[in-house]
Amino acid sequence: MQRLPRAPKAVLFDMDGLMFDTEALYRDATITAARNAGFELPLSAYLETIGLPASRVRELLLARFGKDAPLEDLWRQASELFTQMVQTDLRTKAGLPEILSFLEAARIPSAIVTSSDRTAVEAHLSAAGLQGRRFQTIIAYGDYTVGKPDPAPYLLDAERLNLPISECVALEDSRNGVLSASGAGTMTIMVPDLVQPAPDIPGRCACILADLHAVRDLIAISMAGAAVEP
């Protein structure tokens, strides 16, 4: 039976693609914005950009669209479309309400560690009716000097929780997130979203699970196992 190395003292959630189905919304917004600008961006080409630095994404798109392509205008329209979609189409990922309720009942602190800014975090929580949920800390863009895949965001969160980072579970859906969390020393669980894990990722994770229902079950089993160990 699969278990975590230790029963967690906190669970640290990535946001986009892990808590909310925002990655799919931004995918659709970007492809639509490209089409509106007269460019075709196939899904396969968009997926190649996920998790890459902005400079590399720029290189790939200019190579596809031409060196004079108005990328700033495209990204601005994609951002506007994404904001509109969030108002009507934002969905939580499978198992999010259940795992939050489980952690609250078990008195295990929840936290958010995201590359999005705090305004986006608050807007998403409000849109999903989760603003009343207890997240002990929220680490968002602007709180750290170096973002994912650097370990800094997760190390800062553990510091604010006053917990050893090795006693925290991090939930991530992307390569950069896994590199950040595992590099910091968390027990890292990947729940893939749009892109399946690269060959080197399983070795950086405690496990890879299909959804947050499975994460909740694994944490419950790990807690029960820790309780009966001598």
Foldseek 3Di string as FASTA:
>chain_A
DAAFPAQFLAEEEEPDQAFKVLVVLLLVLLQVLQVVQVHHQDPVNVVVCPPPPPVVNLVSVCVRPPVPRPVVSSVVSSVVSSVVCLLPPMDTFPPNVVLLVLCVVVVRAYEYQYAAAPVVVCSNCVSHVNNPRDHPYYHYNPNDDDHFPALVSLVVVCVSVVHQQCSYEYEEADPRVLNNSLVSNYQYEYQHGPDDDDPVRCVSHSYYDPHNVVVSVNSVVNVVVVVPDD
